[in-house]
N, C-alpha and C. Protein backbone atom coordinates (compact mmCIF):
# COMPACT_ATOMS: atom_id res chain seq x y z
N MET A 1 -7.74 3.95 -13.88
CA MET A 1 -8.28 3.83 -12.53
C MET A 1 -9.30 4.95 -12.32
N ARG A 2 -10.39 4.59 -11.69
CA ARG A 2 -11.43 5.57 -11.40
C ARG A 2 -10.85 6.81 -10.71
N ALA A 3 -11.36 7.97 -11.07
CA ALA A 3 -10.77 9.23 -10.60
C ALA A 3 -10.81 9.40 -9.08
N ASP A 4 -11.75 8.75 -8.42
CA ASP A 4 -11.87 8.93 -6.97
C ASP A 4 -10.98 7.97 -6.18
N ILE A 5 -10.29 7.07 -6.85
CA ILE A 5 -9.39 6.14 -6.15
C ILE A 5 -8.01 6.78 -6.12
N VAL A 6 -7.76 7.51 -5.05
CA VAL A 6 -6.53 8.27 -4.87
C VAL A 6 -6.07 8.09 -3.43
N PRO A 7 -4.81 8.42 -3.12
CA PRO A 7 -4.36 8.34 -1.74
C PRO A 7 -5.28 9.15 -0.81
N GLY A 8 -5.67 8.52 0.29
CA GLY A 8 -6.59 9.13 1.25
C GLY A 8 -8.02 8.70 1.08
N ALA A 9 -8.37 8.16 -0.10
CA ALA A 9 -9.74 7.69 -0.35
C ALA A 9 -9.93 6.29 0.25
N VAL A 10 -11.18 5.93 0.45
CA VAL A 10 -11.50 4.59 0.92
C VAL A 10 -11.71 3.70 -0.30
N PHE A 11 -10.99 2.60 -0.34
CA PHE A 11 -11.09 1.66 -1.45
C PHE A 11 -12.38 0.85 -1.29
N PRO A 12 -13.05 0.49 -2.39
CA PRO A 12 -14.29 -0.28 -2.29
C PRO A 12 -14.08 -1.62 -1.57
N ASP A 13 -15.06 -1.98 -0.77
CA ASP A 13 -14.98 -3.22 0.03
C ASP A 13 -15.59 -4.37 -0.78
N TYR A 14 -14.88 -4.79 -1.80
CA TYR A 14 -15.39 -5.84 -2.68
C TYR A 14 -15.55 -7.16 -1.93
N GLU A 15 -16.59 -7.89 -2.31
CA GLU A 15 -16.81 -9.24 -1.79
C GLU A 15 -16.73 -10.22 -2.96
N LEU A 16 -15.76 -11.14 -2.88
CA LEU A 16 -15.51 -12.07 -3.97
C LEU A 16 -15.25 -13.46 -3.40
N THR A 17 -15.13 -14.43 -4.29
CA THR A 17 -14.90 -15.82 -3.88
C THR A 17 -13.40 -16.07 -3.74
N ASP A 18 -13.01 -16.62 -2.59
CA ASP A 18 -11.59 -16.89 -2.37
C ASP A 18 -11.20 -18.25 -2.92
N HIS A 19 -9.93 -18.61 -2.76
CA HIS A 19 -9.40 -19.85 -3.33
C HIS A 19 -10.01 -21.11 -2.72
N THR A 20 -10.72 -20.97 -1.60
CA THR A 20 -11.42 -22.12 -0.99
C THR A 20 -12.90 -22.13 -1.36
N ALA A 21 -13.31 -21.23 -2.26
CA ALA A 21 -14.70 -21.09 -2.72
C ALA A 21 -15.60 -20.43 -1.68
N LYS A 22 -15.02 -19.71 -0.74
CA LYS A 22 -15.78 -18.99 0.27
C LYS A 22 -15.84 -17.51 -0.11
N ARG A 23 -17.00 -16.88 0.11
CA ARG A 23 -17.14 -15.44 -0.17
C ARG A 23 -16.45 -14.65 0.93
N ARG A 24 -15.60 -13.69 0.53
CA ARG A 24 -14.85 -12.90 1.50
C ARG A 24 -14.88 -11.43 1.10
N LYS A 25 -14.95 -10.55 2.10
CA LYS A 25 -14.87 -9.11 1.87
C LYS A 25 -13.46 -8.64 2.16
N LEU A 26 -13.02 -7.63 1.44
CA LEU A 26 -11.68 -7.10 1.67
C LEU A 26 -11.49 -6.62 3.10
N SER A 27 -12.51 -5.97 3.66
CA SER A 27 -12.39 -5.46 5.03
C SER A 27 -12.18 -6.59 6.03
N GLU A 28 -12.82 -7.71 5.80
CA GLU A 28 -12.64 -8.89 6.66
C GLU A 28 -11.22 -9.42 6.54
N LEU A 29 -10.71 -9.47 5.32
CA LEU A 29 -9.37 -9.98 5.10
C LEU A 29 -8.31 -9.03 5.66
N GLN A 30 -8.59 -7.74 5.63
CA GLN A 30 -7.63 -6.77 6.14
C GLN A 30 -7.59 -6.76 7.66
N GLY A 31 -8.74 -6.90 8.29
CA GLY A 31 -8.76 -6.76 9.74
C GLY A 31 -8.31 -5.37 10.13
N ASN A 32 -7.42 -5.28 11.11
CA ASN A 32 -6.92 -3.97 11.58
C ASN A 32 -5.49 -3.70 11.12
N ASP A 33 -5.07 -4.38 10.08
CA ASP A 33 -3.68 -4.30 9.65
C ASP A 33 -3.55 -3.64 8.28
N PRO A 34 -2.32 -3.22 7.92
CA PRO A 34 -2.09 -2.75 6.55
C PRO A 34 -2.33 -3.89 5.56
N LEU A 35 -2.72 -3.54 4.36
CA LEU A 35 -3.02 -4.54 3.33
C LEU A 35 -2.36 -4.15 2.02
N ILE A 36 -1.62 -5.08 1.44
CA ILE A 36 -1.15 -4.92 0.06
C ILE A 36 -2.13 -5.69 -0.82
N LEU A 37 -2.72 -4.98 -1.77
CA LEU A 37 -3.72 -5.56 -2.66
C LEU A 37 -3.16 -5.58 -4.08
N VAL A 38 -3.07 -6.78 -4.65
CA VAL A 38 -2.55 -6.95 -6.00
C VAL A 38 -3.72 -7.25 -6.93
N LEU A 39 -3.90 -6.41 -7.94
CA LEU A 39 -4.92 -6.64 -8.97
C LEU A 39 -4.19 -7.28 -10.14
N SER A 40 -4.48 -8.55 -10.37
CA SER A 40 -3.67 -9.39 -11.25
C SER A 40 -4.30 -9.56 -12.63
N ARG A 41 -3.45 -9.59 -13.64
CA ARG A 41 -3.90 -9.93 -14.99
C ARG A 41 -4.42 -11.36 -15.04
N GLY A 42 -3.69 -12.26 -14.41
CA GLY A 42 -4.10 -13.66 -14.41
C GLY A 42 -2.93 -14.59 -14.63
N ALA A 43 -3.23 -15.87 -14.52
CA ALA A 43 -2.20 -16.90 -14.58
C ALA A 43 -1.46 -16.94 -15.91
N PHE A 44 -2.07 -16.41 -16.97
CA PHE A 44 -1.43 -16.45 -18.29
C PHE A 44 -0.23 -15.51 -18.38
N CYS A 45 -0.13 -14.54 -17.46
CA CYS A 45 0.83 -13.44 -17.58
C CYS A 45 2.16 -13.75 -16.89
N PRO A 46 3.26 -13.79 -17.62
CA PRO A 46 4.56 -14.04 -16.99
C PRO A 46 4.98 -12.94 -16.02
N LYS A 47 4.52 -11.72 -16.26
CA LYS A 47 4.85 -10.63 -15.34
C LYS A 47 4.18 -10.85 -13.99
N ASP A 48 2.92 -11.30 -14.02
CA ASP A 48 2.22 -11.59 -12.77
C ASP A 48 2.90 -12.74 -12.02
N ARG A 49 3.34 -13.74 -12.79
CA ARG A 49 4.04 -14.87 -12.17
C ARG A 49 5.31 -14.37 -11.46
N ARG A 50 6.08 -13.53 -12.12
CA ARG A 50 7.33 -13.03 -11.53
C ARG A 50 7.04 -12.16 -10.31
N GLN A 51 6.02 -11.32 -10.39
CA GLN A 51 5.68 -10.49 -9.23
C GLN A 51 5.27 -11.37 -8.05
N THR A 52 4.47 -12.39 -8.33
CA THR A 52 4.02 -13.28 -7.26
C THR A 52 5.19 -14.04 -6.64
N GLU A 53 6.15 -14.45 -7.46
CA GLU A 53 7.34 -15.13 -6.93
C GLU A 53 8.06 -14.23 -5.92
N GLY A 54 8.17 -12.95 -6.24
CA GLY A 54 8.79 -12.01 -5.31
C GLY A 54 7.98 -11.82 -4.05
N LEU A 55 6.67 -11.75 -4.21
CA LEU A 55 5.79 -11.52 -3.05
C LEU A 55 5.81 -12.70 -2.08
N ILE A 56 6.14 -13.90 -2.57
CA ILE A 56 6.23 -15.06 -1.67
C ILE A 56 7.25 -14.78 -0.57
N GLU A 57 8.38 -14.22 -0.93
CA GLU A 57 9.41 -13.89 0.06
C GLU A 57 8.91 -12.79 1.00
N LEU A 58 8.32 -11.75 0.44
CA LEU A 58 7.82 -10.64 1.28
C LEU A 58 6.71 -11.10 2.19
N HIS A 59 5.87 -12.02 1.73
CA HIS A 59 4.74 -12.47 2.54
C HIS A 59 5.20 -13.09 3.86
N ARG A 60 6.32 -13.78 3.84
CA ARG A 60 6.84 -14.35 5.09
C ARG A 60 7.18 -13.25 6.08
N GLU A 61 7.70 -12.13 5.58
CA GLU A 61 7.98 -10.99 6.45
C GLU A 61 6.68 -10.34 6.92
N MET A 62 5.72 -10.24 6.02
CA MET A 62 4.45 -9.59 6.36
C MET A 62 3.71 -10.35 7.45
N GLU A 63 3.82 -11.67 7.45
CA GLU A 63 3.14 -12.46 8.48
C GLU A 63 3.66 -12.13 9.87
N VAL A 64 4.96 -11.93 10.01
CA VAL A 64 5.50 -11.58 11.33
C VAL A 64 5.41 -10.08 11.58
N GLY A 65 5.11 -9.31 10.52
CA GLY A 65 4.97 -7.86 10.65
C GLY A 65 3.53 -7.41 10.73
N TYR A 66 2.60 -8.34 10.98
CA TYR A 66 1.18 -8.02 11.13
C TYR A 66 0.66 -7.19 9.97
N SER A 67 0.86 -7.70 8.78
CA SER A 67 0.36 -7.06 7.56
C SER A 67 -0.29 -8.13 6.70
N ARG A 68 -1.19 -7.73 5.84
CA ARG A 68 -1.96 -8.67 5.02
C ARG A 68 -1.65 -8.48 3.54
N LEU A 69 -1.84 -9.56 2.79
CA LEU A 69 -1.63 -9.57 1.35
C LEU A 69 -2.80 -10.30 0.70
N VAL A 70 -3.38 -9.69 -0.34
CA VAL A 70 -4.50 -10.28 -1.07
C VAL A 70 -4.27 -10.04 -2.56
N THR A 71 -4.54 -11.06 -3.36
CA THR A 71 -4.50 -10.93 -4.81
C THR A 71 -5.91 -11.13 -5.36
N ILE A 72 -6.34 -10.24 -6.25
CA ILE A 72 -7.60 -10.40 -6.97
C ILE A 72 -7.25 -10.68 -8.42
N SER A 73 -7.83 -11.74 -8.98
CA SER A 73 -7.56 -12.15 -10.34
C SER A 73 -8.86 -12.33 -11.11
N THR A 74 -8.80 -12.11 -12.43
CA THR A 74 -9.96 -12.38 -13.28
C THR A 74 -10.03 -13.86 -13.66
N ASP A 75 -9.10 -14.68 -13.18
CA ASP A 75 -9.12 -16.11 -13.46
C ASP A 75 -10.32 -16.80 -12.82
N THR A 76 -10.70 -17.93 -13.38
CA THR A 76 -11.70 -18.78 -12.73
C THR A 76 -11.07 -19.36 -11.47
N LEU A 77 -11.89 -19.94 -10.63
CA LEU A 77 -11.41 -20.54 -9.39
C LEU A 77 -10.36 -21.61 -9.67
N ALA A 78 -10.60 -22.46 -10.66
CA ALA A 78 -9.64 -23.53 -10.99
C ALA A 78 -8.32 -22.95 -11.49
N GLU A 79 -8.38 -21.98 -12.40
CA GLU A 79 -7.16 -21.36 -12.93
C GLU A 79 -6.37 -20.67 -11.82
N MET A 80 -7.10 -19.96 -10.97
CA MET A 80 -6.45 -19.24 -9.88
C MET A 80 -5.76 -20.19 -8.91
N ASN A 81 -6.43 -21.29 -8.58
CA ASN A 81 -5.83 -22.25 -7.66
C ASN A 81 -4.64 -22.96 -8.26
N GLU A 82 -4.67 -23.23 -9.56
CA GLU A 82 -3.51 -23.82 -10.21
C GLU A 82 -2.31 -22.87 -10.13
N PHE A 83 -2.56 -21.59 -10.37
CA PHE A 83 -1.51 -20.57 -10.30
C PHE A 83 -0.98 -20.45 -8.88
N ARG A 84 -1.88 -20.31 -7.92
CA ARG A 84 -1.51 -20.13 -6.51
C ARG A 84 -0.75 -21.33 -5.97
N THR A 85 -1.27 -22.52 -6.21
CA THR A 85 -0.64 -23.74 -5.72
C THR A 85 0.68 -24.01 -6.42
N GLY A 86 0.71 -23.76 -7.72
CA GLY A 86 1.93 -23.98 -8.49
C GLY A 86 3.10 -23.14 -8.02
N LEU A 87 2.80 -21.96 -7.49
CA LEU A 87 3.86 -21.08 -6.98
C LEU A 87 4.07 -21.21 -5.48
N ASP A 88 3.21 -22.01 -4.82
CA ASP A 88 3.30 -22.20 -3.36
C ASP A 88 3.09 -20.88 -2.62
N ALA A 89 2.09 -20.12 -3.08
CA ALA A 89 1.71 -18.86 -2.42
C ALA A 89 0.68 -19.18 -1.33
N HIS A 90 0.81 -18.55 -0.18
CA HIS A 90 -0.03 -18.92 0.97
C HIS A 90 -0.96 -17.82 1.45
N TRP A 91 -1.13 -16.77 0.67
CA TRP A 91 -2.07 -15.73 1.08
C TRP A 91 -3.39 -15.91 0.32
N THR A 92 -4.35 -15.08 0.63
CA THR A 92 -5.68 -15.19 0.04
C THR A 92 -5.69 -14.66 -1.39
N PHE A 93 -6.22 -15.48 -2.28
CA PHE A 93 -6.48 -15.07 -3.66
C PHE A 93 -8.00 -15.03 -3.84
N LEU A 94 -8.47 -13.99 -4.53
CA LEU A 94 -9.90 -13.83 -4.81
C LEU A 94 -10.13 -13.92 -6.32
N SER A 95 -11.15 -14.67 -6.70
CA SER A 95 -11.47 -14.90 -8.10
C SER A 95 -12.59 -13.97 -8.55
N ASP A 96 -12.37 -13.30 -9.68
CA ASP A 96 -13.37 -12.36 -10.21
C ASP A 96 -13.52 -12.53 -11.73
N PRO A 97 -13.96 -13.72 -12.17
CA PRO A 97 -14.11 -13.93 -13.62
C PRO A 97 -15.20 -13.06 -14.24
N ALA A 98 -16.14 -12.57 -13.43
CA ALA A 98 -17.17 -11.66 -13.94
C ALA A 98 -16.63 -10.25 -14.16
N ARG A 99 -15.41 -10.02 -13.71
CA ARG A 99 -14.70 -8.75 -13.87
C ARG A 99 -15.42 -7.58 -13.19
N THR A 100 -15.98 -7.86 -12.04
CA THR A 100 -16.65 -6.83 -11.23
C THR A 100 -15.70 -5.70 -10.89
N VAL A 101 -14.52 -6.05 -10.40
CA VAL A 101 -13.53 -5.04 -10.00
C VAL A 101 -13.03 -4.28 -11.22
N GLN A 102 -12.72 -5.01 -12.28
CA GLN A 102 -12.23 -4.40 -13.52
C GLN A 102 -13.21 -3.33 -14.01
N LYS A 103 -14.49 -3.68 -14.04
CA LYS A 103 -15.51 -2.75 -14.54
C LYS A 103 -15.73 -1.59 -13.58
N ASP A 104 -15.82 -1.90 -12.28
CA ASP A 104 -16.11 -0.86 -11.30
C ASP A 104 -14.99 0.17 -11.21
N LEU A 105 -13.74 -0.29 -11.30
CA LEU A 105 -12.60 0.63 -11.21
C LEU A 105 -12.21 1.21 -12.56
N ASP A 106 -12.85 0.76 -13.64
CA ASP A 106 -12.55 1.21 -14.99
C ASP A 106 -11.08 0.95 -15.34
N ILE A 107 -10.67 -0.34 -15.14
CA ILE A 107 -9.27 -0.71 -15.39
C ILE A 107 -9.17 -1.87 -16.39
N ALA A 108 -10.08 -1.92 -17.35
CA ALA A 108 -9.96 -2.93 -18.40
C ALA A 108 -8.71 -2.65 -19.21
N GLU A 109 -7.91 -3.68 -19.43
CA GLU A 109 -6.72 -3.53 -20.25
C GLU A 109 -7.14 -3.72 -21.71
N TYR A 110 -7.55 -2.62 -22.33
CA TYR A 110 -8.15 -2.69 -23.66
C TYR A 110 -7.15 -3.12 -24.73
N THR A 111 -5.86 -3.09 -24.42
CA THR A 111 -4.85 -3.51 -25.39
C THR A 111 -4.74 -5.04 -25.49
N ASP A 112 -5.48 -5.76 -24.66
CA ASP A 112 -5.48 -7.23 -24.71
C ASP A 112 -6.92 -7.74 -24.77
N PRO A 113 -7.55 -7.67 -25.95
CA PRO A 113 -8.93 -8.13 -26.06
C PRO A 113 -9.08 -9.65 -25.95
N VAL A 114 -7.99 -10.38 -26.10
CA VAL A 114 -8.06 -11.85 -26.02
C VAL A 114 -8.34 -12.30 -24.59
N HIS A 115 -7.56 -11.79 -23.63
CA HIS A 115 -7.72 -12.20 -22.23
C HIS A 115 -8.66 -11.28 -21.45
N ASN A 116 -8.85 -10.05 -21.92
CA ASN A 116 -9.67 -9.05 -21.23
C ASN A 116 -9.30 -8.94 -19.74
N PRO A 117 -8.01 -8.71 -19.44
CA PRO A 117 -7.60 -8.63 -18.03
C PRO A 117 -7.81 -7.24 -17.44
N MET A 118 -7.51 -7.15 -16.16
CA MET A 118 -7.42 -5.85 -15.51
C MET A 118 -6.04 -5.28 -15.76
N ILE A 119 -5.93 -3.96 -15.81
CA ILE A 119 -4.61 -3.34 -15.73
C ILE A 119 -4.06 -3.72 -14.35
N PRO A 120 -2.84 -4.24 -14.28
CA PRO A 120 -2.35 -4.78 -13.01
C PRO A 120 -1.83 -3.70 -12.06
N TYR A 121 -2.70 -3.29 -11.17
CA TYR A 121 -2.32 -2.33 -10.14
C TYR A 121 -1.93 -3.06 -8.86
N THR A 122 -1.05 -2.44 -8.09
CA THR A 122 -0.76 -2.87 -6.72
C THR A 122 -1.05 -1.68 -5.83
N LEU A 123 -1.86 -1.91 -4.79
CA LEU A 123 -2.24 -0.83 -3.87
C LEU A 123 -1.79 -1.18 -2.46
N VAL A 124 -1.34 -0.18 -1.75
CA VAL A 124 -1.04 -0.31 -0.33
C VAL A 124 -2.16 0.41 0.42
N LEU A 125 -2.83 -0.33 1.30
CA LEU A 125 -4.00 0.22 1.99
C LEU A 125 -3.74 0.29 3.49
N GLU A 126 -4.05 1.43 4.07
CA GLU A 126 -4.03 1.60 5.52
C GLU A 126 -5.26 0.91 6.11
N PRO A 127 -5.29 0.70 7.42
CA PRO A 127 -6.50 0.14 8.03
C PRO A 127 -7.73 0.95 7.63
N GLY A 128 -8.85 0.24 7.47
CA GLY A 128 -10.08 0.89 7.01
C GLY A 128 -10.13 1.00 5.50
N LEU A 129 -9.26 0.24 4.79
CA LEU A 129 -9.17 0.25 3.32
C LEU A 129 -8.84 1.63 2.76
N ILE A 130 -8.10 2.43 3.52
CA ILE A 130 -7.72 3.76 3.06
C ILE A 130 -6.49 3.65 2.16
N VAL A 131 -6.59 4.21 0.98
CA VAL A 131 -5.51 4.11 0.00
C VAL A 131 -4.31 4.93 0.48
N TYR A 132 -3.17 4.25 0.57
CA TYR A 132 -1.91 4.93 0.89
C TYR A 132 -1.11 5.20 -0.38
N LYS A 133 -0.96 4.15 -1.22
CA LYS A 133 -0.18 4.31 -2.44
C LYS A 133 -0.73 3.40 -3.53
N ILE A 134 -0.58 3.84 -4.78
CA ILE A 134 -1.06 3.09 -5.94
C ILE A 134 0.08 2.96 -6.94
N TYR A 135 0.33 1.73 -7.39
CA TYR A 135 1.33 1.45 -8.42
C TYR A 135 0.63 0.88 -9.64
N ASN A 136 0.91 1.47 -10.82
CA ASN A 136 0.36 0.97 -12.08
C ASN A 136 1.40 0.05 -12.71
N GLY A 137 1.08 -1.24 -12.82
CA GLY A 137 2.04 -2.22 -13.29
C GLY A 137 1.84 -2.68 -14.71
N TYR A 138 1.26 -1.85 -15.56
CA TYR A 138 1.08 -2.24 -16.96
C TYR A 138 2.44 -2.63 -17.55
N TRP A 139 3.45 -1.81 -17.30
CA TRP A 139 4.82 -2.19 -17.58
C TRP A 139 5.40 -2.76 -16.29
N PHE A 140 6.19 -3.83 -16.41
CA PHE A 140 6.64 -4.54 -15.22
C PHE A 140 7.35 -3.63 -14.22
N PHE A 141 8.18 -2.72 -14.69
CA PHE A 141 8.92 -1.87 -13.77
C PHE A 141 8.07 -0.74 -13.19
N GLY A 142 6.80 -0.70 -13.54
CA GLY A 142 5.87 0.17 -12.84
C GLY A 142 5.37 -0.47 -11.56
N ARG A 143 5.60 -1.76 -11.43
CA ARG A 143 5.17 -2.48 -10.22
C ARG A 143 6.17 -2.21 -9.10
N PRO A 144 5.70 -2.22 -7.86
CA PRO A 144 6.62 -1.89 -6.76
C PRO A 144 7.63 -3.00 -6.52
N THR A 145 8.83 -2.60 -6.16
CA THR A 145 9.82 -3.57 -5.72
C THR A 145 9.46 -4.01 -4.30
N LEU A 146 10.07 -5.09 -3.87
CA LEU A 146 9.83 -5.54 -2.50
C LEU A 146 10.29 -4.49 -1.50
N GLU A 147 11.38 -3.81 -1.82
CA GLU A 147 11.87 -2.78 -0.89
C GLU A 147 10.91 -1.59 -0.83
N GLU A 148 10.33 -1.22 -1.97
CA GLU A 148 9.33 -0.13 -1.94
C GLU A 148 8.15 -0.52 -1.07
N LEU A 149 7.71 -1.76 -1.19
CA LEU A 149 6.58 -2.21 -0.36
C LEU A 149 6.96 -2.24 1.12
N ARG A 150 8.19 -2.66 1.43
CA ARG A 150 8.66 -2.63 2.83
C ARG A 150 8.62 -1.20 3.36
N GLN A 151 9.10 -0.26 2.55
CA GLN A 151 9.10 1.14 2.97
C GLN A 151 7.68 1.67 3.15
N ASP A 152 6.78 1.27 2.26
CA ASP A 152 5.37 1.67 2.39
C ASP A 152 4.78 1.12 3.68
N LEU A 153 5.05 -0.15 3.96
CA LEU A 153 4.52 -0.76 5.19
C LEU A 153 5.11 -0.09 6.43
N ARG A 154 6.36 0.31 6.34
CA ARG A 154 6.96 1.04 7.47
C ARG A 154 6.27 2.39 7.66
N ALA A 155 6.05 3.10 6.56
CA ALA A 155 5.40 4.41 6.65
C ALA A 155 3.99 4.29 7.21
N VAL A 156 3.24 3.30 6.76
CA VAL A 156 1.88 3.10 7.26
C VAL A 156 1.94 2.71 8.74
N GLY A 157 2.89 1.84 9.09
CA GLY A 157 3.02 1.42 10.49
C GLY A 157 3.32 2.58 11.42
N THR A 158 4.24 3.44 11.02
CA THR A 158 4.58 4.57 11.89
C THR A 158 3.40 5.54 12.00
N LYS A 159 2.56 5.56 10.99
CA LYS A 159 1.42 6.47 10.98
C LYS A 159 0.29 6.01 11.88
N PHE A 160 0.02 4.69 11.92
CA PHE A 160 -1.18 4.27 12.63
C PHE A 160 -0.95 3.36 13.82
N ARG A 161 0.25 2.85 14.02
CA ARG A 161 0.48 2.00 15.18
C ARG A 161 0.96 2.86 16.34
N PRO A 162 0.12 3.03 17.36
CA PRO A 162 0.50 3.90 18.48
C PRO A 162 1.77 3.45 19.18
N ASP A 163 2.05 2.15 19.13
CA ASP A 163 3.22 1.63 19.84
C ASP A 163 4.41 1.39 18.93
N TRP A 164 4.48 2.11 17.80
CA TRP A 164 5.60 1.91 16.88
C TRP A 164 6.93 2.12 17.60
N ASP A 165 7.00 3.15 18.43
CA ASP A 165 8.21 3.42 19.20
C ASP A 165 7.87 3.33 20.68
N ILE A 166 8.15 2.16 21.27
CA ILE A 166 7.77 1.97 22.69
C ILE A 166 8.82 2.55 23.64
N THR A 167 9.86 3.20 23.07
CA THR A 167 10.89 3.77 23.93
C THR A 167 10.56 5.18 24.41
N THR A 168 9.49 5.77 23.87
CA THR A 168 9.18 7.15 24.28
C THR A 168 8.68 7.17 25.73
N PRO A 169 8.94 8.24 26.44
CA PRO A 169 8.47 8.34 27.83
C PRO A 169 6.95 8.19 27.93
N GLU A 170 6.22 8.71 26.92
CA GLU A 170 4.76 8.62 26.94
C GLU A 170 4.29 7.17 26.86
N GLN A 171 4.93 6.39 26.00
CA GLN A 171 4.54 4.98 25.86
C GLN A 171 4.88 4.20 27.12
N LYS A 172 6.06 4.45 27.68
CA LYS A 172 6.46 3.75 28.91
C LYS A 172 5.49 4.08 30.04
N ALA A 173 5.14 5.36 30.15
CA ALA A 173 4.22 5.79 31.21
C ALA A 173 2.84 5.16 31.01
N ALA A 174 2.38 5.10 29.78
CA ALA A 174 1.07 4.50 29.50
C ALA A 174 1.07 3.03 29.91
N TRP A 175 2.13 2.32 29.58
CA TRP A 175 2.21 0.90 29.96
C TRP A 175 2.19 0.73 31.47
N GLU A 176 2.97 1.57 32.17
CA GLU A 176 3.04 1.48 33.63
C GLU A 176 1.71 1.80 34.28
N LYS A 177 0.91 2.67 33.65
CA LYS A 177 -0.42 3.00 34.16
C LYS A 177 -1.47 1.95 33.80
N GLY A 178 -1.07 0.97 33.00
CA GLY A 178 -2.02 -0.07 32.59
C GLY A 178 -2.86 0.31 31.38
N GLU A 179 -2.45 1.35 30.65
CA GLU A 179 -3.19 1.80 29.47
C GLU A 179 -2.77 0.95 28.26
N LYS A 180 -3.17 -0.30 28.29
CA LYS A 180 -2.70 -1.24 27.27
C LYS A 180 -3.40 -1.08 25.93
N ASP A 181 -4.42 -0.23 25.85
CA ASP A 181 -5.09 -0.04 24.57
C ASP A 181 -4.18 0.63 23.55
N ARG A 182 -3.04 1.14 23.99
CA ARG A 182 -2.08 1.76 23.08
C ARG A 182 -1.06 0.77 22.54
N PHE A 183 -1.20 -0.49 22.92
CA PHE A 183 -0.21 -1.50 22.56
C PHE A 183 -0.87 -2.68 21.86
N TYR A 184 -0.21 -3.16 20.81
CA TYR A 184 -0.72 -4.31 20.07
C TYR A 184 -0.54 -5.56 20.92
N PRO A 185 -1.49 -6.44 21.04
CA PRO A 185 -2.83 -6.47 20.45
C PRO A 185 -3.92 -6.14 21.47
N TYR A 186 -3.58 -5.41 22.50
CA TYR A 186 -4.51 -5.17 23.60
C TYR A 186 -5.59 -4.15 23.25
N GLY A 187 -6.70 -4.25 24.00
CA GLY A 187 -7.72 -3.20 24.02
C GLY A 187 -8.26 -2.76 22.69
N LYS A 188 -8.32 -1.47 22.54
CA LYS A 188 -8.89 -0.80 21.38
C LYS A 188 -8.26 -1.27 20.09
N SER A 189 -9.06 -1.44 19.06
CA SER A 189 -8.49 -1.86 17.78
C SER A 189 -7.66 -0.72 17.20
N TYR A 190 -6.63 -1.10 16.43
CA TYR A 190 -5.80 -0.09 15.80
C TYR A 190 -6.61 0.77 14.84
N ALA A 191 -7.60 0.16 14.19
CA ALA A 191 -8.43 0.94 13.26
C ALA A 191 -9.13 2.06 14.01
N LYS A 192 -9.58 1.77 15.24
CA LYS A 192 -10.25 2.81 16.03
C LYS A 192 -9.25 3.88 16.45
N VAL A 193 -8.08 3.46 16.92
CA VAL A 193 -7.05 4.41 17.29
C VAL A 193 -6.70 5.29 16.10
N PHE A 194 -6.55 4.66 14.93
CA PHE A 194 -6.19 5.41 13.73
C PHE A 194 -7.27 6.42 13.37
N SER A 195 -8.55 6.01 13.45
CA SER A 195 -9.65 6.91 13.07
C SER A 195 -9.73 8.10 14.02
N GLU A 196 -9.33 7.89 15.27
CA GLU A 196 -9.37 8.99 16.24
C GLU A 196 -8.28 10.02 15.94
N GLN A 197 -7.23 9.59 15.23
CA GLN A 197 -6.13 10.50 14.91
C GLN A 197 -6.45 11.38 13.71
N HIS A 198 -7.54 11.09 13.00
CA HIS A 198 -7.87 11.85 11.79
C HIS A 198 -9.15 12.62 11.95
């Protein structure tokens, strides 16, 4: 992984083709929410298949927890859609057969010259594509468990959601005064609130 991609850094805002053949930027897909970004070897990899099977369960929780999930794969659009549909995954997959991300992040898996995949990283990103945590999944148990990702999402949530604990006297007073910009989804975007805290 490129030396500047570390916790606290801003992750590159890649623009790639999604599973519907539409060009999408990561920042657009993230919106104002936490984002789990999976950099996938591809449909050929049984480890990626198993990780994706686990993420299907977590994704249902993420949808009600206002969090986003995106997978970037070096597969072609057809290969990626076969993989995504075959597993019944419902989040956004991005296709990068030109290996733009692999080259830019310097994560070519040189031990597999046949498939030329990316080293499979999983990143947890705070709003604004800020890196919170990086997992290197070259070995399967280097990949995060669902519970580790839940804990990461909790940590990011407590850090940037002003209304994480609405029981505090300050939050109650703000609501009573009509200061709804401190509460989801009213007023000011969470990304703006978060940037003001740093």
